[in-house]
Amino acid sequence: SNELMAHVYSHLYNLPVTGLRFFTAYGPWGRPDMA
């Protein structure tokens, strides 16, 4: 939904928008709910 909403605002208002699909980020200070 965020991607769709962002496209609407980019199209209607010429707002430069980039969406990033993160794939299983991990490392120091990571989230306790992750594997």
Full PDB file with SEQRES, HELIX, SHEET, SSBOND, CRYST1, ORIGX, SCALE, CONECT and MASTER records, all heavy atoms in Angstrom:
SEQRES   1 A   35  SER ASN GLU LEU MET ALA HIS VAL TYR SER HIS LEU TYR          
SEQRES   2 A   35  ASN LEU PRO VAL THR GLY LEU ARG PHE PHE THR ALA TYR          
SEQRES   3 A   35  GLY PRO TRP GLY ARG PRO ASP MET ALA                          
HELIX    1 AA1 ASN A    2  TYR A   13  1                                  12    
CRYST1    1.000    1.000    1.000  90.00  90.00  90.00 P 1           1          
ORIGX1      1.000000  0.000000  0.000000        0.00000                         
ORIGX2      0.000000  1.000000  0.000000        0.00000                         
ORIGX3      0.000000  0.000000  1.000000        0.00000                         
SCALE1      1.000000  0.000000  0.000000        0.00000                         
SCALE2      0.000000  1.000000  0.000000        0.00000                         
SCALE3      0.000000  0.000000  1.000000        0.00000                         
ATOM      1  N   SER A   1       0.828  -1.210   0.000  1.00  0.00           N  
ATOM      2  CA  SER A   1       0.000   0.000   0.000  1.00  0.00           C  
ATOM      3  C   SER A   1       0.861   1.259   0.000  1.00  0.00           C  
ATOM      4  O   SER A   1       0.542   2.235  -0.679  1.00  0.00           O  
ATOM      5  CB  SER A   1      -0.928   0.007   1.219  1.00  0.00           C  
ATOM      6  OG  SER A   1      -1.795  -1.096   1.209  1.00  0.00           O  
ATOM      7  N   ASN A   2       1.946   1.227   0.755  1.00  0.00           N  
ATOM      8  CA  ASN A   2       2.866   2.369   0.776  1.00  0.00           C  
ATOM      9  C   ASN A   2       3.410   2.665  -0.613  1.00  0.00           C  
ATOM     10  O   ASN A   2       3.517   3.829  -1.021  1.00  0.00           O  
ATOM     11  CB  ASN A   2       4.040   2.100   1.728  1.00  0.00           C  
ATOM     12  CG  ASN A   2       3.667   2.153   3.186  1.00  0.00           C  
ATOM     13  OD1 ASN A   2       4.475   1.799   4.038  1.00  0.00           O  
ATOM     14  ND2 ASN A   2       2.453   2.559   3.512  1.00  0.00           N  
ATOM     15  N   GLU A   3       3.747   1.625  -1.351  1.00  0.00           N  
ATOM     16  CA  GLU A   3       4.268   1.821  -2.697  1.00  0.00           C  
ATOM     17  C   GLU A   3       3.219   2.458  -3.608  1.00  0.00           C  
ATOM     18  O   GLU A   3       3.529   3.360  -4.393  1.00  0.00           O  
ATOM     19  CB  GLU A   3       4.723   0.476  -3.275  1.00  0.00           C  
ATOM     20  CG  GLU A   3       5.902  -0.135  -2.530  1.00  0.00           C  
ATOM     21  CD  GLU A   3       6.351  -1.475  -3.081  1.00  0.00           C  
ATOM     22  OE1 GLU A   3       5.758  -1.927  -4.094  1.00  0.00           O  
ATOM     23  OE2 GLU A   3       7.294  -2.061  -2.526  1.00  0.00           O  
ATOM     24  N   LEU A   4       1.979   2.009  -3.476  1.00  0.00           N  
ATOM     25  CA  LEU A   4       0.901   2.573  -4.291  1.00  0.00           C  
ATOM     26  C   LEU A   4       0.627   4.031  -3.918  1.00  0.00           C  
ATOM     27  O   LEU A   4       0.455   4.890  -4.792  1.00  0.00           O  
ATOM     28  CB  LEU A   4      -0.373   1.743  -4.106  1.00  0.00           C  
ATOM     29  CG  LEU A   4      -0.304   0.277  -4.565  1.00  0.00           C  
ATOM     30  CD1 LEU A   4      -1.574  -0.456  -4.149  1.00  0.00           C  
ATOM     31  CD2 LEU A   4      -0.099   0.188  -6.071  1.00  0.00           C  
ATOM     32  N   MET A   5       0.578   4.305  -2.619  1.00  0.00           N  
ATOM     33  CA  MET A   5       0.332   5.674  -2.152  1.00  0.00           C  
ATOM     34  C   MET A   5       1.448   6.606  -2.614  1.00  0.00           C  
ATOM     35  O   MET A   5       1.202   7.730  -3.051  1.00  0.00           O  
ATOM     36  CB  MET A   5       0.224   5.687  -0.623  1.00  0.00           C  
ATOM     37  CG  MET A   5      -0.986   4.925  -0.086  1.00  0.00           C  
ATOM     38  SD  MET A   5      -0.825   4.506   1.676  1.00  0.00           S  
ATOM     39  CE  MET A   5      -0.966   6.137   2.430  1.00  0.00           C  
ATOM     40  N   ALA A   6       2.684   6.112  -2.524  1.00  0.00           N  
ATOM     41  CA  ALA A   6       3.837   6.928  -2.930  1.00  0.00           C  
ATOM     42  C   ALA A   6       3.778   7.258  -4.417  1.00  0.00           C  
ATOM     43  O   ALA A   6       4.093   8.385  -4.827  1.00  0.00           O  
ATOM     44  CB  ALA A   6       5.134   6.189  -2.600  1.00  0.00           C  
ATOM     45  N   HIS A   7       3.340   6.294  -5.225  1.00  0.00           N  
ATOM     46  CA  HIS A   7       3.246   6.573  -6.660  1.00  0.00           C  
ATOM     47  C   HIS A   7       2.209   7.657  -6.949  1.00  0.00           C  
ATOM     48  O   HIS A   7       2.421   8.524  -7.802  1.00  0.00           O  
ATOM     49  CB  HIS A   7       2.902   5.316  -7.462  1.00  0.00           C  
ATOM     50  CG  HIS A   7       2.818   5.599  -8.929  1.00  0.00           C  
ATOM     51  ND1 HIS A   7       1.620   5.861  -9.572  1.00  0.00           N  
ATOM     52  CD2 HIS A   7       3.793   5.737  -9.868  1.00  0.00           C  
ATOM     53  CE1 HIS A   7       1.865   6.124 -10.847  1.00  0.00           C  
ATOM     54  NE2 HIS A   7       3.165   6.054 -11.058  1.00  0.00           N  
ATOM     55  N   VAL A   8       1.100   7.611  -6.244  1.00  0.00           N  
ATOM     56  CA  VAL A   8       0.057   8.635  -6.432  1.00  0.00           C  
ATOM     57  C   VAL A   8       0.635  10.031  -6.187  1.00  0.00           C  
ATOM     58  O   VAL A   8       0.429  10.960  -6.984  1.00  0.00           O  
ATOM     59  CB  VAL A   8      -1.142   8.375  -5.499  1.00  0.00           C  
ATOM     60  CG1 VAL A   8      -2.091   9.570  -5.501  1.00  0.00           C  
ATOM     61  CG2 VAL A   8      -1.888   7.112  -5.919  1.00  0.00           C  
ATOM     62  N   TYR A   9       1.380  10.182  -5.088  1.00  0.00           N  
ATOM     63  CA  TYR A   9       1.925  11.500  -4.741  1.00  0.00           C  
ATOM     64  C   TYR A   9       3.031  11.912  -5.718  1.00  0.00           C  
ATOM     65  O   TYR A   9       3.188  13.093  -6.035  1.00  0.00           O  
ATOM     66  CB  TYR A   9       2.423  11.506  -3.292  1.00  0.00           C  
ATOM     67  CG  TYR A   9       1.303  11.861  -2.333  1.00  0.00           C  
ATOM     68  CD1 TYR A   9       0.250  10.980  -2.110  1.00  0.00           C  
ATOM     69  CD2 TYR A   9       1.281  13.088  -1.680  1.00  0.00           C  
ATOM     70  CE1 TYR A   9      -0.788  11.299  -1.267  1.00  0.00           C  
ATOM     71  CE2 TYR A   9       0.242  13.427  -0.825  1.00  0.00           C  
ATOM     72  CZ  TYR A   9      -0.792  12.529  -0.628  1.00  0.00           C  
ATOM     73  OH  TYR A   9      -1.831  12.869   0.212  1.00  0.00           O  
ATOM     74  N   SER A  10       3.785  10.946  -6.191  1.00  0.00           N  
ATOM     75  CA  SER A  10       4.797  11.250  -7.190  1.00  0.00           C  
ATOM     76  C   SER A  10       4.145  11.703  -8.498  1.00  0.00           C  
ATOM     77  O   SER A  10       4.586  12.681  -9.123  1.00  0.00           O  
ATOM     78  CB  SER A  10       5.660   9.999  -7.439  1.00  0.00           C  
ATOM     79  OG  SER A  10       6.675  10.267  -8.370  1.00  0.00           O  
ATOM     80  N   HIS A  11       3.077  11.013  -8.891  1.00  0.00           N  
ATOM     81  CA  HIS A  11       2.372  11.329 -10.138  1.00  0.00           C  
ATOM     82  C   HIS A  11       1.629  12.664 -10.063  1.00  0.00           C  
ATOM     83  O   HIS A  11       1.728  13.497 -10.976  1.00  0.00           O  
ATOM     84  CB  HIS A  11       1.397  10.198 -10.453  1.00  0.00           C  
ATOM     85  CG  HIS A  11       0.477  10.490 -11.607  1.00  0.00           C  
ATOM     86  ND1 HIS A  11       0.911  10.491 -12.920  1.00  0.00           N  
ATOM     87  CD2 HIS A  11      -0.849  10.796 -11.639  1.00  0.00           C  
ATOM     88  CE1 HIS A  11      -0.103  10.790 -13.706  1.00  0.00           C  
ATOM     89  NE2 HIS A  11      -1.181  10.980 -12.963  1.00  0.00           N  
ATOM     90  N   LEU A  12       0.894  12.880  -8.975  1.00  0.00           N  
ATOM     91  CA  LEU A  12       0.065  14.079  -8.868  1.00  0.00           C  
ATOM     92  C   LEU A  12       0.862  15.333  -8.545  1.00  0.00           C  
ATOM     93  O   LEU A  12       0.560  16.421  -9.048  1.00  0.00           O  
ATOM     94  CB  LEU A  12      -1.007  13.883  -7.794  1.00  0.00           C  
ATOM     95  CG  LEU A  12      -2.127  12.881  -8.090  1.00  0.00           C  
ATOM     96  CD1 LEU A  12      -3.059  12.785  -6.889  1.00  0.00           C  
ATOM     97  CD2 LEU A  12      -2.911  13.282  -9.337  1.00  0.00           C  
ATOM     98  N   TYR A  13       1.890  15.192  -7.716  1.00  0.00           N  
ATOM     99  CA  TYR A  13       2.570  16.368  -7.180  1.00  0.00           C  
ATOM    100  C   TYR A  13       4.049  16.438  -7.553  1.00  0.00           C  
ATOM    101  O   TYR A  13       4.785  17.266  -7.016  1.00  0.00           O  
ATOM    102  CB  TYR A  13       2.407  16.411  -5.657  1.00  0.00           C  
ATOM    103  CG  TYR A  13       0.970  16.235  -5.239  1.00  0.00           C  
ATOM    104  CD1 TYR A  13       0.568  15.123  -4.506  1.00  0.00           C  
ATOM    105  CD2 TYR A  13      -0.013  17.162  -5.614  1.00  0.00           C  
ATOM    106  CE1 TYR A  13      -0.765  14.942  -4.143  1.00  0.00           C  
ATOM    107  CE2 TYR A  13      -1.341  16.992  -5.263  1.00  0.00           C  
ATOM    108  CZ  TYR A  13      -1.712  15.878  -4.529  1.00  0.00           C  
ATOM    109  OH  TYR A  13      -3.033  15.699  -4.183  1.00  0.00           O  
ATOM    110  N   ASN A  14       4.471  15.533  -8.473  1.00  0.00           N  
ATOM    111  CA  ASN A  14       5.856  15.534  -8.946  1.00  0.00           C  
ATOM    112  C   ASN A  14       6.855  15.379  -7.795  1.00  0.00           C  
ATOM    113  O   ASN A  14       7.944  15.966  -7.815  1.00  0.00           O  
ATOM    114  CB  ASN A  14       6.158  16.809  -9.736  1.00  0.00           C  
ATOM    115  CG  ASN A  14       7.324  16.619 -10.693  1.00  0.00           C  
ATOM    116  OD1 ASN A  14       7.476  15.558 -11.292  1.00  0.00           O  
ATOM    117  ND2 ASN A  14       8.148  17.646 -10.830  1.00  0.00           N  
ATOM    118  N   LEU A  15       6.476  14.603  -6.785  1.00  0.00           N  
ATOM    119  CA  LEU A  15       7.340  14.347  -5.639  1.00  0.00           C  
ATOM    120  C   LEU A  15       8.290  13.189  -5.970  1.00  0.00           C  
ATOM    121  O   LEU A  15       7.831  12.068  -6.213  1.00  0.00           O  
ATOM    122  CB  LEU A  15       6.490  13.993  -4.410  1.00  0.00           C  
ATOM    123  CG  LEU A  15       7.245  13.548  -3.159  1.00  0.00           C  
ATOM    124  CD1 LEU A  15       8.064  14.701  -2.580  1.00  0.00           C  
ATOM    125  CD2 LEU A  15       6.264  13.007  -2.111  1.00  0.00           C  
ATOM    126  N   PRO A  16       9.609  13.423  -6.003  1.00  0.00           N  
ATOM    127  CA  PRO A  16      10.538  12.316  -6.241  1.00  0.00           C  
ATOM    128  C   PRO A  16      10.495  11.318  -5.080  1.00  0.00           C  
ATOM    129  O   PRO A  16      10.711  11.699  -3.918  1.00  0.00           O  
ATOM    130  CB  PRO A  16      11.906  13.004  -6.323  1.00  0.00           C  
ATOM    131  CG  PRO A  16      11.595  14.433  -6.667  1.00  0.00           C  
ATOM    132  CD  PRO A  16      10.306  14.725  -5.952  1.00  0.00           C  
ATOM    133  N   VAL A  17      10.200  10.067  -5.378  1.00  0.00           N  
ATOM    134  CA  VAL A  17      10.002   9.047  -4.354  1.00  0.00           C  
ATOM    135  C   VAL A  17      10.729   7.762  -4.758  1.00  0.00           C  
ATOM    136  O   VAL A  17      10.625   7.308  -5.896  1.00  0.00           O  
ATOM    137  CB  VAL A  17       8.502   8.722  -4.158  1.00  0.00           C  
ATOM    138  CG1 VAL A  17       8.327   7.642  -3.109  1.00  0.00           C  
ATOM    139  CG2 VAL A  17       7.721   9.963  -3.766  1.00  0.00           C  
ATOM    140  N   THR A  18      11.437   7.182  -3.794  1.00  0.00           N  
ATOM    141  CA  THR A  18      12.080   5.881  -4.010  1.00  0.00           C  
ATOM    142  C   THR A  18      11.697   4.928  -2.891  1.00  0.00           C  
ATOM    143  O   THR A  18      11.857   5.272  -1.711  1.00  0.00           O  
ATOM    144  CB  THR A  18      13.616   6.007  -4.057  1.00  0.00           C  
ATOM    145  OG1 THR A  18      13.981   6.959  -5.061  1.00  0.00           O  
ATOM    146  CG2 THR A  18      14.251   4.657  -4.365  1.00  0.00           C  
ATOM    147  N   GLY A  19      11.196   3.749  -3.254  1.00  0.00           N  
ATOM    148  CA  GLY A  19      10.876   2.716  -2.285  1.00  0.00           C  
ATOM    149  C   GLY A  19      11.933   1.627  -2.300  1.00  0.00           C  
ATOM    150  O   GLY A  19      12.394   1.205  -3.370  1.00  0.00           O  
ATOM    151  N   LEU A  20      12.337   1.182  -1.117  1.00  0.00           N  
ATOM    152  CA  LEU A  20      13.394   0.174  -0.992  1.00  0.00           C  
ATOM    153  C   LEU A  20      12.832  -1.084  -0.335  1.00  0.00           C  
ATOM    154  O   LEU A  20      12.377  -1.042   0.803  1.00  0.00           O  
ATOM    155  CB  LEU A  20      14.547   0.724  -0.154  1.00  0.00           C  
ATOM    156  CG  LEU A  20      15.213   1.995  -0.702  1.00  0.00           C  
ATOM    157  CD1 LEU A  20      16.256   2.514   0.277  1.00  0.00           C  
ATOM    158  CD2 LEU A  20      15.836   1.724  -2.062  1.00  0.00           C  
ATOM    159  N   ARG A  21      12.876  -2.179  -1.070  1.00  0.00           N  
ATOM    160  CA  ARG A  21      12.426  -3.461  -0.528  1.00  0.00           C  
ATOM    161  C   ARG A  21      13.613  -4.156   0.136  1.00  0.00           C  
ATOM    162  O   ARG A  21      14.471  -4.733  -0.528  1.00  0.00           O  
ATOM    163  CB  ARG A  21      11.842  -4.327  -1.649  1.00  0.00           C  
ATOM    164  CG  ARG A  21      10.558  -3.749  -2.235  1.00  0.00           C  
ATOM    165  CD  ARG A  21      10.078  -4.559  -3.434  1.00  0.00           C  
ATOM    166  NE  ARG A  21       8.821  -4.013  -3.967  1.00  0.00           N  
ATOM    167  CZ  ARG A  21       8.308  -4.342  -5.147  1.00  0.00           C  
ATOM    168  NH1 ARG A  21       8.934  -5.224  -5.932  1.00  0.00           N  
ATOM    169  NH2 ARG A  21       7.170  -3.810  -5.550  1.00  0.00           N  
ATOM    170  N   PHE A  22      13.652  -4.074   1.456  1.00  0.00           N  
ATOM    171  CA  PHE A  22      14.740  -4.683   2.213  1.00  0.00           C  
ATOM    172  C   PHE A  22      14.536  -6.196   2.328  1.00  0.00           C  
ATOM    173  O   PHE A  22      13.431  -6.670   2.575  1.00  0.00           O  
ATOM    174  CB  PHE A  22      14.814  -4.093   3.619  1.00  0.00           C  
ATOM    175  CG  PHE A  22      15.137  -2.622   3.654  1.00  0.00           C  
ATOM    176  CD1 PHE A  22      14.380  -1.746   4.410  1.00  0.00           C  
ATOM    177  CD2 PHE A  22      16.200  -2.112   2.936  1.00  0.00           C  
ATOM    178  CE1 PHE A  22      14.670  -0.395   4.455  1.00  0.00           C  
ATOM    179  CE2 PHE A  22      16.502  -0.754   2.971  1.00  0.00           C  
ATOM    180  CZ  PHE A  22      15.740   0.101   3.737  1.00  0.00           C  
ATOM    181  N   PHE A  23      15.639  -6.928   2.192  1.00  0.00           N  
ATOM    182  CA  PHE A  23      15.622  -8.380   2.328  1.00  0.00           C  
ATOM    183  C   PHE A  23      16.379  -8.791   3.599  1.00  0.00           C  
ATOM    184  O   PHE A  23      17.593  -8.722   3.654  1.00  0.00           O  
ATOM    185  CB  PHE A  23      16.262  -9.037   1.101  1.00  0.00           C  
ATOM    186  CG  PHE A  23      15.348  -9.131  -0.094  1.00  0.00           C  
ATOM    187  CD1 PHE A  23      14.984  -7.981  -0.788  1.00  0.00           C  
ATOM    188  CD2 PHE A  23      14.855 -10.351  -0.516  1.00  0.00           C  
ATOM    189  CE1 PHE A  23      14.136  -8.058  -1.893  1.00  0.00           C  
ATOM    190  CE2 PHE A  23      14.003 -10.441  -1.616  1.00  0.00           C  
ATOM    191  CZ  PHE A  23      13.640  -9.293  -2.303  1.00  0.00           C  
ATOM    192  N   THR A  24      15.645  -9.184   4.626  1.00  0.00           N  
ATOM    193  CA  THR A  24      16.166  -9.767   5.870  1.00  0.00           C  
ATOM    194  C   THR A  24      17.460  -9.106   6.343  1.00  0.00           C  
ATOM    195  O   THR A  24      18.541  -9.712   6.306  1.00  0.00           O  
ATOM    196  CB  THR A  24      16.371 -11.292   5.724  1.00  0.00           C  
ATOM    197  OG1 THR A  24      15.253 -11.859   5.023  1.00  0.00           O  
ATOM    198  CG2 THR A  24      16.473 -11.950   7.098  1.00  0.00           C  
ATOM    199  N   ALA A  25      17.343  -7.857   6.775  1.00  0.00           N  
ATOM    200  CA  ALA A  25      18.493  -7.136   7.320  1.00  0.00           C  
ATOM    201  C   ALA A  25      18.925  -7.748   8.651  1.00  0.00           C  
ATOM    202  O   ALA A  25      18.098  -8.146   9.469  1.00  0.00           O  
ATOM    203  CB  ALA A  25      18.132  -5.664   7.519  1.00  0.00           C  
ATOM    204  N   TYR A  26      20.243  -7.835   8.860  1.00  0.00           N  
ATOM    205  CA  TYR A  26      20.765  -8.377  10.116  1.00  0.00           C  
ATOM    206  C   TYR A  26      22.102  -7.725  10.426  1.00  0.00           C  
ATOM    207  O   TYR A  26      22.738  -7.129   9.550  1.00  0.00           O  
ATOM    208  CB  TYR A  26      20.918  -9.903  10.030  1.00  0.00           C  
ATOM    209  CG  TYR A  26      22.113 -10.349   9.211  1.00  0.00           C  
ATOM    210  CD1 TYR A  26      23.297 -10.756   9.818  1.00  0.00           C  
ATOM    211  CD2 TYR A  26      22.075 -10.339   7.814  1.00  0.00           C  
ATOM    212  CE1 TYR A  26      24.394 -11.140   9.062  1.00  0.00           C  
ATOM    213  CE2 TYR A  26      23.164 -10.723   7.060  1.00  0.00           C  
ATOM    214  CZ  TYR A  26      24.332 -11.125   7.687  1.00  0.00           C  
ATOM    215  OH  TYR A  26      25.420 -11.496   6.946  1.00  0.00           O  
ATOM    216  N   GLY A  27      22.538  -7.849  11.681  1.00  0.00           N  
ATOM    217  CA  GLY A  27      23.826  -7.307  12.085  1.00  0.00           C  
ATOM    218  C   GLY A  27      23.780  -6.775  13.505  1.00  0.00           C  
ATOM    219  O   GLY A  27      22.764  -6.915  14.206  1.00  0.00           O  
ATOM    220  N   PRO A  28      24.877  -6.158  13.979  1.00  0.00           N  
ATOM    221  CA  PRO A  28      24.925  -5.599  15.332  1.00  0.00           C  
ATOM    222  C   PRO A  28      23.787  -4.620  15.596  1.00  0.00           C  
ATOM    223  O   PRO A  28      23.372  -3.893  14.693  1.00  0.00           O  
ATOM    224  CB  PRO A  28      26.282  -4.881  15.352  1.00  0.00           C  
ATOM    225  CG  PRO A  28      27.111  -5.607  14.336  1.00  0.00           C  
ATOM    226  CD  PRO A  28      26.160  -6.013  13.253  1.00  0.00           C  
ATOM    227  N   TRP A  29      23.277  -4.631  16.793  1.00  0.00           N  
ATOM    228  CA  TRP A  29      22.157  -3.786  17.220  1.00  0.00           C  
ATOM    229  C   TRP A  29      20.842  -4.194  16.547  1.00  0.00           C  
ATOM    230  O   TRP A  29      19.903  -3.437  16.480  1.00  0.00           O  
ATOM    231  CB  TRP A  29      22.428  -2.299  16.971  1.00  0.00           C  
ATOM    232  CG  TRP A  29      23.583  -1.756  17.754  1.00  0.00           C  
ATOM    233  CD1 TRP A  29      24.873  -1.624  17.332  1.00  0.00           C  
ATOM    234  CD2 TRP A  29      23.564  -1.299  19.111  1.00  0.00           C  
ATOM    235  NE1 TRP A  29      25.652  -1.100  18.334  1.00  0.00           N  
ATOM    236  CE2 TRP A  29      24.873  -0.885  19.433  1.00  0.00           C  
ATOM    237  CE3 TRP A  29      22.564  -1.176  20.085  1.00  0.00           C  
ATOM    238  CZ2 TRP A  29      25.220  -0.382  20.689  1.00  0.00           C  
ATOM    239  CZ3 TRP A  29      22.902  -0.667  21.326  1.00  0.00           C  
ATOM    240  CH2 TRP A  29      24.214  -0.275  21.616  1.00  0.00           C  
ATOM    241  N   GLY A  30      20.792  -5.448  16.061  1.00  0.00           N  
ATOM    242  CA  GLY A  30      19.621  -5.926  15.335  1.00  0.00           C  
ATOM    243  C   GLY A  30      18.392  -6.127  16.196  1.00  0.00           C  
ATOM    244  O   GLY A  30      18.430  -5.992  17.423  1.00  0.00           O  
ATOM    245  N   ARG A  31      17.283  -6.476  15.542  1.00  0.00           N  
ATOM    246  CA  ARG A  31      15.996  -6.617  16.227  1.00  0.00           C  
ATOM    247  C   ARG A  31      15.889  -7.950  16.960  1.00  0.00           C  
ATOM    248  O   ARG A  31      16.179  -9.001  16.394  1.00  0.00           O  
ATOM    249  CB  ARG A  31      14.859  -6.515  15.210  1.00  0.00           C  
ATOM    250  CG  ARG A  31      14.503  -5.095  14.846  1.00  0.00           C  
ATOM    251  CD  ARG A  31      13.551  -5.014  13.675  1.00  0.00           C  
ATOM    252  NE  ARG A  31      12.537  -6.051  13.633  1.00  0.00           N  
ATOM    253  CZ  ARG A  31      11.824  -6.347  12.549  1.00  0.00           C  
ATOM    254  NH1 ARG A  31      12.043  -5.679  11.417  1.00  0.00           N  
ATOM    255  NH2 ARG A  31      10.913  -7.299  12.578  1.00  0.00           N  
ATOM    256  N   PRO A  32      15.418  -7.931  18.213  1.00  0.00           N  
ATOM    257  CA  PRO A  32      15.285  -9.162  18.991  1.00  0.00           C  
ATOM    258  C   PRO A  32      14.225 -10.123  18.475  1.00  0.00           C  
ATOM    259  O   PRO A  32      14.198 -11.277  18.898  1.00  0.00           O  
ATOM    260  CB  PRO A  32      14.892  -8.649  20.393  1.00  0.00           C  
ATOM    261  CG  PRO A  32      15.297  -7.229  20.436  1.00  0.00           C  
ATOM    262  CD  PRO A  32      15.152  -6.729  19.031  1.00  0.00           C  
ATOM    263  N   ASP A  33      13.340  -9.663  17.579  1.00  0.00           N  
ATOM    264  CA  ASP A  33      12.309 -10.556  17.039  1.00  0.00           C  
ATOM    265  C   ASP A  33      12.765 -11.264  15.771  1.00  0.00           C  
ATOM    266  O   ASP A  33      12.020 -12.069  15.206  1.00  0.00           O  
ATOM    267  CB  ASP A  33      11.023  -9.774  16.757  1.00  0.00           C  
ATOM    268  CG  ASP A  33      11.214  -8.694  15.697  1.00  0.00           C  
ATOM    269  OD1 ASP A  33      12.255  -8.012  15.723  1.00  0.00           O  
ATOM    270  OD2 ASP A  33      10.314  -8.519  14.849  1.00  0.00           O  
ATOM    271  N   MET A  34      13.980 -10.988  15.313  1.00  0.00           N  
ATOM    272  CA  MET A  34      14.494 -11.601  14.091  1.00  0.00           C  
ATOM    273  C   MET A  34      15.278 -12.877  14.409  1.00  0.00           C  
ATOM    274  O   MET A  34      15.791 -13.056  15.515  1.00  0.00           O  
ATOM    275  CB  MET A  34      15.378 -10.605  13.335  1.00  0.00           C  
ATOM    276  CG  MET A  34      14.647  -9.346  12.890  1.00  0.00           C  
ATOM    277  SD  MET A  34      13.448  -9.662  11.568  1.00  0.00           S  
ATOM    278  CE  MET A  34      14.537  -9.724  10.147  1.00  0.00           C  
ATOM    279  N   ALA A  35      15.397 -13.745  13.402  1.00  0.00           N  
ATOM    280  CA  ALA A  35      15.947 -15.084  13.612  1.00  0.00           C  
ATOM    281  C   ALA A  35      17.338 -15.073  14.244  1.00  0.00           C  
ATOM    282  O   ALA A  35      17.599 -15.837  15.188  1.00  0.00           O  
ATOM    283  CB  ALA A  35      15.988 -15.832  12.281  1.00  0.00           C  
TER     284      ALA A  35                                                      
MASTER        0    0    0    1    0    0    0    6  283    1    0    3          
END                                                                             
